[in-house]
All heavy atoms as atom14 arrays in JSON, in Angstrom:
{
  "sequence": "LVESGGGSVQAGGSLRLSCAASGYTASRYCMGWFRQAPGKERERV",
  "atom14_mask": [
    [1, 1, 1, 1, 1, 1, 1, 1, 0, 0, 0, 0, 0, 0],
    [1, 1, 1, 1, 1, 1, 1, 0, 0, 0, 0, 0, 0, 0],
    [1, 1, 1, 1, 1, 1, 1, 1, 1, 0, 0, 0, 0, 0],
    [1, 1, 1, 1, 1, 1, 0, 0, 0, 0, 0, 0, 0, 0],
    [1, 1, 1, 1, 0, 0, 0, 0, 0, 0, 0, 0, 0, 0],
    [1, 1, 1, 1, 0, 0, 0, 0, 0, 0, 0, 0, 0, 0],
    [1, 1, 1, 1, 0, 0, 0, 0, 0, 0, 0, 0, 0, 0],
    [1, 1, 1, 1, 1, 1, 0, 0, 0, 0, 0, 0, 0, 0],
    [1, 1, 1, 1, 1, 1, 1, 0, 0, 0, 0, 0, 0, 0],
    [1, 1, 1, 1, 1, 1, 1, 1, 1, 0, 0, 0, 0, 0],
    [1, 1, 1, 1, 1, 0, 0, 0, 0, 0, 0, 0, 0, 0],
    [1, 1, 1, 1, 0, 0, 0, 0, 0, 0, 0, 0, 0, 0],
    [1, 1, 1, 1, 0, 0, 0, 0, 0, 0, 0, 0, 0, 0],
    [1, 1, 1, 1, 1, 1, 0, 0, 0, 0, 0, 0, 0, 0],
    [1, 1, 1, 1, 1, 1, 1, 1, 0, 0, 0, 0, 0, 0],
    [1, 1, 1, 1, 1, 1, 1, 1, 1, 1, 1, 0, 0, 0],
    [1, 1, 1, 1, 1, 1, 1, 1, 0, 0, 0, 0, 0, 0],
    [1, 1, 1, 1, 1, 1, 0, 0, 0, 0, 0, 0, 0, 0],
    [1, 1, 1, 1, 1, 1, 0, 0, 0, 0, 0, 0, 0, 0],
    [1, 1, 1, 1, 1, 0, 0, 0, 0, 0, 0, 0, 0, 0],
    [1, 1, 1, 1, 1, 0, 0, 0, 0, 0, 0, 0, 0, 0],
    [1, 1, 1, 1, 1, 1, 0, 0, 0, 0, 0, 0, 0, 0],
    [1, 1, 1, 1, 0, 0, 0, 0, 0, 0, 0, 0, 0, 0],
    [1, 1, 1, 1, 1, 1, 1, 1, 1, 1, 1, 1, 0, 0],
    [1, 1, 1, 1, 1, 1, 1, 0, 0, 0, 0, 0, 0, 0],
    [1, 1, 1, 1, 1, 0, 0, 0, 0, 0, 0, 0, 0, 0],
    [1, 1, 1, 1, 1, 1, 0, 0, 0, 0, 0, 0, 0, 0],
    [1, 1, 1, 1, 1, 1, 1, 1, 1, 1, 1, 0, 0, 0],
    [1, 1, 1, 1, 1, 1, 1, 1, 1, 1, 1, 1, 0, 0],
    [1, 1, 1, 1, 1, 1, 0, 0, 0, 0, 0, 0, 0, 0],
    [1, 1, 1, 1, 1, 1, 1, 1, 0, 0, 0, 0, 0, 0],
    [1, 1, 1, 1, 0, 0, 0, 0, 0, 0, 0, 0, 0, 0],
    [1, 1, 1, 1, 1, 1, 1, 1, 1, 1, 1, 1, 1, 1],
    [1, 1, 1, 1, 1, 1, 1, 1, 1, 1, 1, 0, 0, 0],
    [1, 1, 1, 1, 1, 1, 1, 1, 1, 1, 1, 0, 0, 0],
    [1, 1, 1, 1, 1, 1, 1, 1, 1, 0, 0, 0, 0, 0],
    [1, 1, 1, 1, 1, 0, 0, 0, 0, 0, 0, 0, 0, 0],
    [1, 1, 1, 1, 1, 1, 1, 0, 0, 0, 0, 0, 0, 0],
    [1, 1, 1, 1, 0, 0, 0, 0, 0, 0, 0, 0, 0, 0],
    [1, 1, 1, 1, 1, 1, 1, 1, 1, 0, 0, 0, 0, 0],
    [1, 1, 1, 1, 1, 1, 1, 1, 1, 0, 0, 0, 0, 0],
    [1, 1, 1, 1, 1, 1, 1, 1, 1, 1, 1, 0, 0, 0],
    [1, 1, 1, 1, 1, 1, 1, 1, 1, 0, 0, 0, 0, 0],
    [1, 1, 1, 1, 1, 1, 1, 1, 1, 1, 1, 0, 0, 0],
    [1, 1, 1, 1, 1, 1, 1, 0, 0, 0, 0, 0, 0, 0]
  ],
  "atom14_positions": [
    [[0.88, -1.18, 0.02], [-0.03, -0.03, -0.01], [0.92, 1.25, 0.01], [1.77, 1.41, 0.89], [-0.95, 0.03, 1.23], [-1.8, -1.25, 1.4], [-2.54, -1.16, 2.69], [-2.75, -1.41, 0.28], [0.0, 0.0, 0.0], [0.0, 0.0, 0.0], [0.0, 0.0, 0.0], [0.0, 0.0, 0.0], [0.0, 0.0, 0.0], [0.0, 0.0, 0.0]],
    [[0.69, 2.13, -1.0], [1.5, 3.32, -1.1], [0.59, 4.54, -1.03], [-0.37, 4.65, -1.87], [2.29, 3.38, -2.43], [3.07, 4.58, -2.56], [3.15, 2.16, -2.57], [0.0, 0.0, 0.0], [0.0, 0.0, 0.0], [0.0, 0.0, 0.0], [0.0, 0.0, 0.0], [0.0, 0.0, 0.0], [0.0, 0.0, 0.0], [0.0, 0.0, 0.0]],
    [[0.84, 5.4, -0.08], [-0.06, 6.58, 0.18], [0.57, 7.81, -0.37], [1.82, 7.92, -0.5], [-0.24, 6.67, 1.77], [-0.86, 5.5, 2.36], [-0.82, 5.6, 3.84], [0.1, 6.28, 4.42], [-1.68, 4.91, 4.52], [0.0, 0.0, 0.0], [0.0, 0.0, 0.0], [0.0, 0.0, 0.0], [0.0, 0.0, 0.0], [0.0, 0.0, 0.0]],
    [[-0.34, 8.79, -0.65], [0.11, 10.05, -1.15], [-1.04, 11.12, -0.81], [-2.17, 10.72, -0.52], [0.41, 10.1, -2.66], [-0.75, 9.75, -3.37], [0.0, 0.0, 0.0], [0.0, 0.0, 0.0], [0.0, 0.0, 0.0], [0.0, 0.0, 0.0], [0.0, 0.0, 0.0], [0.0, 0.0, 0.0], [0.0, 0.0, 0.0], [0.0, 0.0, 0.0]],
    [[-0.73, 12.38, -0.83], [-1.68, 13.42, -0.71], [-1.73, 14.17, 0.59], [-2.44, 15.14, 0.73], [0.0, 0.0, 0.0], [0.0, 0.0, 0.0], [0.0, 0.0, 0.0], [0.0, 0.0, 0.0], [0.0, 0.0, 0.0], [0.0, 0.0, 0.0], [0.0, 0.0, 0.0], [0.0, 0.0, 0.0], [0.0, 0.0, 0.0], [0.0, 0.0, 0.0]],
    [[-0.89, 13.76, 1.53], [-0.81, 14.44, 2.8], [-0.16, 15.81, 2.72], [0.5, 16.05, 1.7], [0.0, 0.0, 0.0], [0.0, 0.0, 0.0], [0.0, 0.0, 0.0], [0.0, 0.0, 0.0], [0.0, 0.0, 0.0], [0.0, 0.0, 0.0], [0.0, 0.0, 0.0], [0.0, 0.0, 0.0], [0.0, 0.0, 0.0], [0.0, 0.0, 0.0]],
    [[-0.33, 16.64, 3.69], [0.29, 17.98, 3.7], [-0.38, 18.84, 4.75], [-1.04, 18.36, 5.6], [0.0, 0.0, 0.0], [0.0, 0.0, 0.0], [0.0, 0.0, 0.0], [0.0, 0.0, 0.0], [0.0, 0.0, 0.0], [0.0, 0.0, 0.0], [0.0, 0.0, 0.0], [0.0, 0.0, 0.0], [0.0, 0.0, 0.0], [0.0, 0.0, 0.0]],
    [[-0.19, 20.18, 4.53], [-0.7, 21.12, 5.47], [-1.83, 21.96, 4.75], [-1.71, 22.27, 3.6], [0.38, 22.11, 5.88], [1.47, 21.4, 6.58], [0.0, 0.0, 0.0], [0.0, 0.0, 0.0], [0.0, 0.0, 0.0], [0.0, 0.0, 0.0], [0.0, 0.0, 0.0], [0.0, 0.0, 0.0], [0.0, 0.0, 0.0], [0.0, 0.0, 0.0]],
    [[-2.86, 22.23, 5.52], [-3.97, 23.02, 5.0], [-4.55, 23.86, 6.13], [-4.45, 23.53, 7.3], [-5.04, 22.03, 4.37], [-5.62, 21.21, 5.51], [-6.11, 22.83, 3.66], [0.0, 0.0, 0.0], [0.0, 0.0, 0.0], [0.0, 0.0, 0.0], [0.0, 0.0, 0.0], [0.0, 0.0, 0.0], [0.0, 0.0, 0.0], [0.0, 0.0, 0.0]],
    [[-5.19, 24.98, 5.84], [-5.84, 25.78, 6.8], [-7.21, 25.27, 7.14], [-7.87, 24.52, 6.34], [-5.99, 27.24, 6.3], [-4.64, 27.92, 6.11], [-4.86, 29.45, 5.76], [-5.97, 29.91, 5.72], [-3.81, 30.07, 5.41], [0.0, 0.0, 0.0], [0.0, 0.0, 0.0], [0.0, 0.0, 0.0], [0.0, 0.0, 0.0], [0.0, 0.0, 0.0]],
    [[-7.69, 25.57, 8.36], [-9.03, 25.12, 8.76], [-10.06, 25.51, 7.75], [-10.05, 26.63, 7.21], [-9.34, 25.62, 10.1], [0.0, 0.0, 0.0], [0.0, 0.0, 0.0], [0.0, 0.0, 0.0], [0.0, 0.0, 0.0], [0.0, 0.0, 0.0], [0.0, 0.0, 0.0], [0.0, 0.0, 0.0], [0.0, 0.0, 0.0], [0.0, 0.0, 0.0]],
    [[-10.93, 24.63, 7.48], [-11.97, 24.78, 6.5], [-11.6, 24.36, 5.13], [-12.51, 24.26, 4.22], [0.0, 0.0, 0.0], [0.0, 0.0, 0.0], [0.0, 0.0, 0.0], [0.0, 0.0, 0.0], [0.0, 0.0, 0.0], [0.0, 0.0, 0.0], [0.0, 0.0, 0.0], [0.0, 0.0, 0.0], [0.0, 0.0, 0.0], [0.0, 0.0, 0.0]],
    [[-10.37, 24.01, 4.94], [-9.88, 23.54, 3.62], [-10.17, 22.06, 3.37], [-10.76, 21.4, 4.15], [0.0, 0.0, 0.0], [0.0, 0.0, 0.0], [0.0, 0.0, 0.0], [0.0, 0.0, 0.0], [0.0, 0.0, 0.0], [0.0, 0.0, 0.0], [0.0, 0.0, 0.0], [0.0, 0.0, 0.0], [0.0, 0.0, 0.0], [0.0, 0.0, 0.0]],
    [[-9.57, 21.61, 2.25], [-9.82, 20.16, 1.76], [-8.48, 19.58, 1.31], [-7.64, 20.2, 0.88], [-10.85, 20.14, 0.6], [-12.12, 20.76, 0.98], [0.0, 0.0, 0.0], [0.0, 0.0, 0.0], [0.0, 0.0, 0.0], [0.0, 0.0, 0.0], [0.0, 0.0, 0.0], [0.0, 0.0, 0.0], [0.0, 0.0, 0.0], [0.0, 0.0, 0.0]],
    [[-8.51, 18.26, 1.48], [-7.42, 17.47, 0.97], [-7.95, 16.12, 0.51], [-8.96, 15.71, 0.99], [-6.31, 17.14, 2.1], [-5.36, 18.22, 2.48], [-4.52, 17.75, 3.65], [-4.46, 18.62, 1.33], [0.0, 0.0, 0.0], [0.0, 0.0, 0.0], [0.0, 0.0, 0.0], [0.0, 0.0, 0.0], [0.0, 0.0, 0.0], [0.0, 0.0, 0.0]],
    [[-7.25, 15.49, -0.49], [-7.55, 14.23, -0.98], [-6.34, 13.33, -0.72], [-5.29, 13.58, -1.2], [-7.94, 14.12, -2.46], [-7.9, 12.71, -3.05], [-8.41, 12.65, -4.47], [-9.85, 12.25, -4.48], [-10.46, 11.81, -5.54], [-9.86, 11.62, -6.67], [-11.79, 11.51, -5.42], [0.0, 0.0, 0.0], [0.0, 0.0, 0.0], [0.0, 0.0, 0.0]],
    [[-6.57, 12.23, 0.04], [-5.56, 11.22, 0.26], [-5.78, 10.04, -0.68], [-6.93, 9.65, -0.94], [-5.54, 10.73, 1.68], [-5.42, 11.77, 2.82], [-5.35, 11.07, 4.16], [-4.15, 12.58, 2.59], [0.0, 0.0, 0.0], [0.0, 0.0, 0.0], [0.0, 0.0, 0.0], [0.0, 0.0, 0.0], [0.0, 0.0, 0.0], [0.0, 0.0, 0.0]],
    [[-4.69, 9.46, -1.2], [-4.82, 8.3, -2.13], [-3.92, 7.2, -1.53], [-2.9, 7.41, -0.95], [-4.31, 8.65, -3.53], [-5.03, 9.74, -4.04], [0.0, 0.0, 0.0], [0.0, 0.0, 0.0], [0.0, 0.0, 0.0], [0.0, 0.0, 0.0], [0.0, 0.0, 0.0], [0.0, 0.0, 0.0], [0.0, 0.0, 0.0], [0.0, 0.0, 0.0]],
    [[-4.41, 5.97, -1.75], [-3.68, 4.78, -1.37], [-3.75, 3.75, -2.51], [-4.84, 3.2, -2.79], [-4.26, 4.2, -0.1], [-3.35, 2.7, 0.51], [0.0, 0.0, 0.0], [0.0, 0.0, 0.0], [0.0, 0.0, 0.0], [0.0, 0.0, 0.0], [0.0, 0.0, 0.0], [0.0, 0.0, 0.0], [0.0, 0.0, 0.0], [0.0, 0.0, 0.0]],
    [[-2.61, 3.49, -3.18], [-2.58, 2.56, -4.3], [-2.07, 1.23, -3.85], [-1.06, 1.15, -3.15], [-1.58, 3.1, -5.35], [0.0, 0.0, 0.0], [0.0, 0.0, 0.0], [0.0, 0.0, 0.0], [0.0, 0.0, 0.0], [0.0, 0.0, 0.0], [0.0, 0.0, 0.0], [0.0, 0.0, 0.0], [0.0, 0.0, 0.0], [0.0, 0.0, 0.0]],
    [[-2.83, 0.22, -4.18], [-2.49, -1.19, -3.8], [-1.85, -1.89, -4.99], [-2.31, -1.81, -6.08], [-3.75, -1.93, -3.35], [0.0, 0.0, 0.0], [0.0, 0.0, 0.0], [0.0, 0.0, 0.0], [0.0, 0.0, 0.0], [0.0, 0.0, 0.0], [0.0, 0.0, 0.0], [0.0, 0.0, 0.0], [0.0, 0.0, 0.0], [0.0, 0.0, 0.0]],
    [[-0.85, -2.73, -4.66], [-0.17, -3.48, -5.68], [0.1, -4.88, -5.1], [-0.13, -5.13, -3.95], [1.07, -2.87, -6.15], [2.0, -2.69, -5.08], [0.0, 0.0, 0.0], [0.0, 0.0, 0.0], [0.0, 0.0, 0.0], [0.0, 0.0, 0.0], [0.0, 0.0, 0.0], [0.0, 0.0, 0.0], [0.0, 0.0, 0.0], [0.0, 0.0, 0.0]],
    [[0.53, -5.73, -5.96], [0.79, -7.13, -5.63], [-0.52, -7.92, -5.66], [-1.34, -7.77, -6.59], [0.0, 0.0, 0.0], [0.0, 0.0, 0.0], [0.0, 0.0, 0.0], [0.0, 0.0, 0.0], [0.0, 0.0, 0.0], [0.0, 0.0, 0.0], [0.0, 0.0, 0.0], [0.0, 0.0, 0.0], [0.0, 0.0, 0.0], [0.0, 0.0, 0.0]],
    [[-0.74, -8.76, -4.63], [-2.0, -9.54, -4.66], [-3.14, -8.7, -4.2], [-3.16, -8.14, -3.08], [-1.82, -10.75, -3.65], [-3.02, -11.61, -3.51], [-3.32, -12.54, -4.49], [-3.89, -11.5, -2.42], [-4.44, -13.3, -4.39], [-5.02, -12.26, -2.3], [-5.28, -13.21, -3.26], [-6.44, -14.0, -3.21], [0.0, 0.0, 0.0], [0.0, 0.0, 0.0]],
    [[-4.04, -8.48, -5.06], [-5.27, -7.63, -4.77], [-6.54, -8.32, -4.78], [-7.6, -7.66, -4.57], [-5.36, -6.47, -5.8], [-5.4, -7.0, -7.15], [-4.06, -5.6, -5.73], [0.0, 0.0, 0.0], [0.0, 0.0, 0.0], [0.0, 0.0, 0.0], [0.0, 0.0, 0.0], [0.0, 0.0, 0.0], [0.0, 0.0, 0.0], [0.0, 0.0, 0.0]],
    [[-6.6, -9.6, -4.92], [-7.77, -10.41, -4.87], [-8.19, -10.7, -3.42], [-7.29, -10.68, -2.56], [-7.71, -11.7, -5.7], [0.0, 0.0, 0.0], [0.0, 0.0, 0.0], [0.0, 0.0, 0.0], [0.0, 0.0, 0.0], [0.0, 0.0, 0.0], [0.0, 0.0, 0.0], [0.0, 0.0, 0.0], [0.0, 0.0, 0.0], [0.0, 0.0, 0.0]],
    [[-9.44, -11.05, -3.24], [-9.97, -11.51, -1.98], [-9.71, -10.57, -0.82], [-9.43, -10.93, 0.34], [-9.35, -12.87, -1.58], [-9.67, -13.9, -2.6], [0.0, 0.0, 0.0], [0.0, 0.0, 0.0], [0.0, 0.0, 0.0], [0.0, 0.0, 0.0], [0.0, 0.0, 0.0], [0.0, 0.0, 0.0], [0.0, 0.0, 0.0], [0.0, 0.0, 0.0]],
    [[-9.82, -9.23, -1.08], [-9.79, -8.22, -0.04], [-11.16, -7.97, 0.54], [-12.09, -7.79, -0.19], [-9.19, -6.92, -0.63], [-7.68, -7.0, -0.89], [-7.14, -5.6, -1.33], [-7.68, -5.2, -2.61], [-7.47, -4.11, -3.28], [-6.65, -3.23, -2.71], [-8.03, -3.88, -4.48], [0.0, 0.0, 0.0], [0.0, 0.0, 0.0], [0.0, 0.0, 0.0]],
    [[-11.21, -8.06, 1.83], [-12.5, -7.9, 2.54], [-12.79, -6.5, 3.03], [-13.9, -6.07, 3.11], [-12.62, -8.94, 3.66], [-12.8, -10.31, 3.13], [-11.73, -11.14, 2.76], [-14.12, -10.87, 2.99], [-11.94, -12.39, 2.23], [-14.33, -12.11, 2.54], [-13.22, -12.85, 2.11], [-13.41, -14.18, 1.63], [0.0, 0.0, 0.0], [0.0, 0.0, 0.0]],
    [[-11.76, -5.76, 3.42], [-11.88, -4.36, 3.94], [-10.74, -3.49, 3.38], [-9.6, -3.94, 3.33], [-11.79, -4.38, 5.43], [-12.79, -5.6, 6.32], [0.0, 0.0, 0.0], [0.0, 0.0, 0.0], [0.0, 0.0, 0.0], [0.0, 0.0, 0.0], [0.0, 0.0, 0.0], [0.0, 0.0, 0.0], [0.0, 0.0, 0.0], [0.0, 0.0, 0.0]],
    [[-11.14, -2.24, 3.01], [-10.11, -1.24, 2.86], [-10.48, -0.1, 3.75], [-11.64, 0.36, 3.72], [-10.13, -0.76, 1.36], [-9.53, -1.73, 0.39], [-7.79, -2.05, 0.68], [-7.05, -0.41, 0.42], [0.0, 0.0, 0.0], [0.0, 0.0, 0.0], [0.0, 0.0, 0.0], [0.0, 0.0, 0.0], [0.0, 0.0, 0.0], [0.0, 0.0, 0.0]],
    [[-9.52, 0.38, 4.63], [-9.82, 1.34, 5.61], [-8.84, 2.49, 5.68], [-7.74, 2.39, 5.2], [0.0, 0.0, 0.0], [0.0, 0.0, 0.0], [0.0, 0.0, 0.0], [0.0, 0.0, 0.0], [0.0, 0.0, 0.0], [0.0, 0.0, 0.0], [0.0, 0.0, 0.0], [0.0, 0.0, 0.0], [0.0, 0.0, 0.0], [0.0, 0.0, 0.0]],
    [[-9.32, 3.63, 6.32], [-8.45, 4.74, 6.63], [-8.43, 4.89, 8.17], [-9.58, 4.91, 8.79], [-8.9, 6.04, 5.96], [-8.53, 6.12, 4.53], [-9.42, 5.81, 3.44], [-7.27, 6.51, 3.9], [-8.72, 6.06, 2.29], [-7.44, 6.43, 2.52], [-6.06, 6.85, 4.54], [-6.4, 6.79, 1.6], [-5.0, 7.17, 3.61], [-5.2, 7.13, 2.24]],
    [[-7.3, 5.01, 8.75], [-7.12, 5.26, 10.18], [-6.25, 6.48, 10.35], [-5.57, 6.97, 9.45], [-6.43, 4.05, 10.87], [-7.21, 2.78, 10.88], [-7.44, 2.04, 9.74], [-7.88, 2.36, 12.02], [-8.19, 0.82, 9.75], [-8.62, 1.21, 12.09], [-8.84, 0.48, 10.93], [0.0, 0.0, 0.0], [0.0, 0.0, 0.0], [0.0, 0.0, 0.0]],
    [[-6.3, 7.05, 11.56], [-5.44, 8.16, 11.92], [-4.9, 8.03, 13.32], [-5.65, 7.44, 14.19], [-6.14, 9.5, 11.7], [-7.29, 9.8, 12.64], [-8.02, 11.07, 12.23], [-9.07, 11.44, 13.16], [-9.93, 12.47, 12.96], [-9.77, 13.23, 11.93], [-10.88, 12.64, 13.86], [0.0, 0.0, 0.0], [0.0, 0.0, 0.0], [0.0, 0.0, 0.0]],
    [[-3.76, 8.66, 13.6], [-3.2, 8.63, 14.95], [-2.53, 9.97, 15.25], [-1.61, 10.37, 14.5], [-2.19, 7.54, 14.96], [-1.67, 7.3, 16.44], [-0.84, 6.0, 16.6], [-0.35, 5.46, 15.62], [-0.77, 5.51, 17.81], [0.0, 0.0, 0.0], [0.0, 0.0, 0.0], [0.0, 0.0, 0.0], [0.0, 0.0, 0.0], [0.0, 0.0, 0.0]],
    [[-3.01, 10.61, 16.29], [-2.38, 11.81, 16.76], [-1.4, 11.51, 17.84], [-1.46, 10.49, 18.47], [-3.45, 12.73, 17.29], [0.0, 0.0, 0.0], [0.0, 0.0, 0.0], [0.0, 0.0, 0.0], [0.0, 0.0, 0.0], [0.0, 0.0, 0.0], [0.0, 0.0, 0.0], [0.0, 0.0, 0.0], [0.0, 0.0, 0.0], [0.0, 0.0, 0.0]],
    [[-0.36, 12.37, 18.12], [0.59, 12.05, 19.14], [-0.04, 11.8, 20.52], [-0.88, 12.47, 21.0], [1.51, 13.35, 19.17], [1.29, 13.96, 17.75], [-0.12, 13.66, 17.39], [0.0, 0.0, 0.0], [0.0, 0.0, 0.0], [0.0, 0.0, 0.0], [0.0, 0.0, 0.0], [0.0, 0.0, 0.0], [0.0, 0.0, 0.0], [0.0, 0.0, 0.0]],
    [[0.42, 10.65, 21.09], [-0.02, 10.3, 22.41], [-1.38, 9.67, 22.4], [-1.94, 9.42, 23.53], [0.0, 0.0, 0.0], [0.0, 0.0, 0.0], [0.0, 0.0, 0.0], [0.0, 0.0, 0.0], [0.0, 0.0, 0.0], [0.0, 0.0, 0.0], [0.0, 0.0, 0.0], [0.0, 0.0, 0.0], [0.0, 0.0, 0.0], [0.0, 0.0, 0.0]],
    [[-2.03, 9.37, 21.3], [-3.39, 8.8, 21.25], [-3.32, 7.53, 20.43], [-2.4, 7.21, 19.65], [-4.34, 9.79, 20.58], [-4.57, 11.11, 21.37], [-5.59, 11.98, 20.81], [-5.84, 13.21, 21.58], [-6.92, 14.05, 21.08], [0.0, 0.0, 0.0], [0.0, 0.0, 0.0], [0.0, 0.0, 0.0], [0.0, 0.0, 0.0], [0.0, 0.0, 0.0]],
    [[-4.39, 6.73, 20.59], [-4.52, 5.46, 19.92], [-4.88, 5.74, 18.41], [-5.52, 6.71, 18.09], [-5.59, 4.63, 20.58], [-5.29, 4.2, 21.99], [-4.21, 3.29, 22.11], [-4.07, 2.39, 21.26], [-3.38, 3.33, 23.0], [0.0, 0.0, 0.0], [0.0, 0.0, 0.0], [0.0, 0.0, 0.0], [0.0, 0.0, 0.0], [0.0, 0.0, 0.0]],
    [[-4.48, 4.69, 17.63], [-4.86, 4.79, 16.23], [-6.37, 4.46, 16.13], [-6.82, 3.44, 16.63], [-4.05, 3.81, 15.41], [-4.22, 3.93, 13.91], [-3.21, 3.01, 13.22], [-1.84, 3.32, 13.54], [-0.8, 2.8, 12.96], [-0.93, 1.86, 12.0], [0.43, 3.12, 13.35], [0.0, 0.0, 0.0], [0.0, 0.0, 0.0], [0.0, 0.0, 0.0]],
    [[-7.1, 5.36, 15.46], [-8.54, 5.22, 15.41], [-9.04, 5.1, 13.95], [-8.44, 5.66, 13.01], [-9.25, 6.38, 16.08], [-9.04, 7.71, 15.37], [-9.83, 8.88, 15.94], [-10.69, 8.57, 16.79], [-9.55, 10.0, 15.55], [0.0, 0.0, 0.0], [0.0, 0.0, 0.0], [0.0, 0.0, 0.0], [0.0, 0.0, 0.0], [0.0, 0.0, 0.0]],
    [[-10.16, 4.36, 13.78], [-10.7, 4.2, 12.45], [-11.36, 5.54, 12.01], [-12.14, 6.11, 12.83], [-11.71, 3.06, 12.49], [-12.32, 2.73, 11.09], [-13.45, 1.68, 11.21], [-14.55, 2.27, 11.99], [-15.58, 2.91, 11.47], [-15.66, 3.17, 10.14], [-16.51, 3.36, 12.26], [0.0, 0.0, 0.0], [0.0, 0.0, 0.0], [0.0, 0.0, 0.0]],
    [[-11.15, 5.93, 10.8], [-11.77, 7.05, 10.19], [-12.9, 6.6, 9.25], [-14.06, 7.13, 9.41], [-10.77, 7.87, 9.49], [-11.49, 9.03, 8.69], [-9.72, 8.43, 10.4], [0.0, 0.0, 0.0], [0.0, 0.0, 0.0], [0.0, 0.0, 0.0], [0.0, 0.0, 0.0], [0.0, 0.0, 0.0], [0.0, 0.0, 0.0], [0.0, 0.0, 0.0]]
  ]
}
């Protein structure tokens, strides 16, 4: 999984994150986005 699109933006703005999958791509049951802030647990988005 290769991610792109992160960066800095002002409040109220927009961003698009992309995640390209390669290799074995069959039989996938879930594709998810998670996030983790410093000192906090990784949470499902």
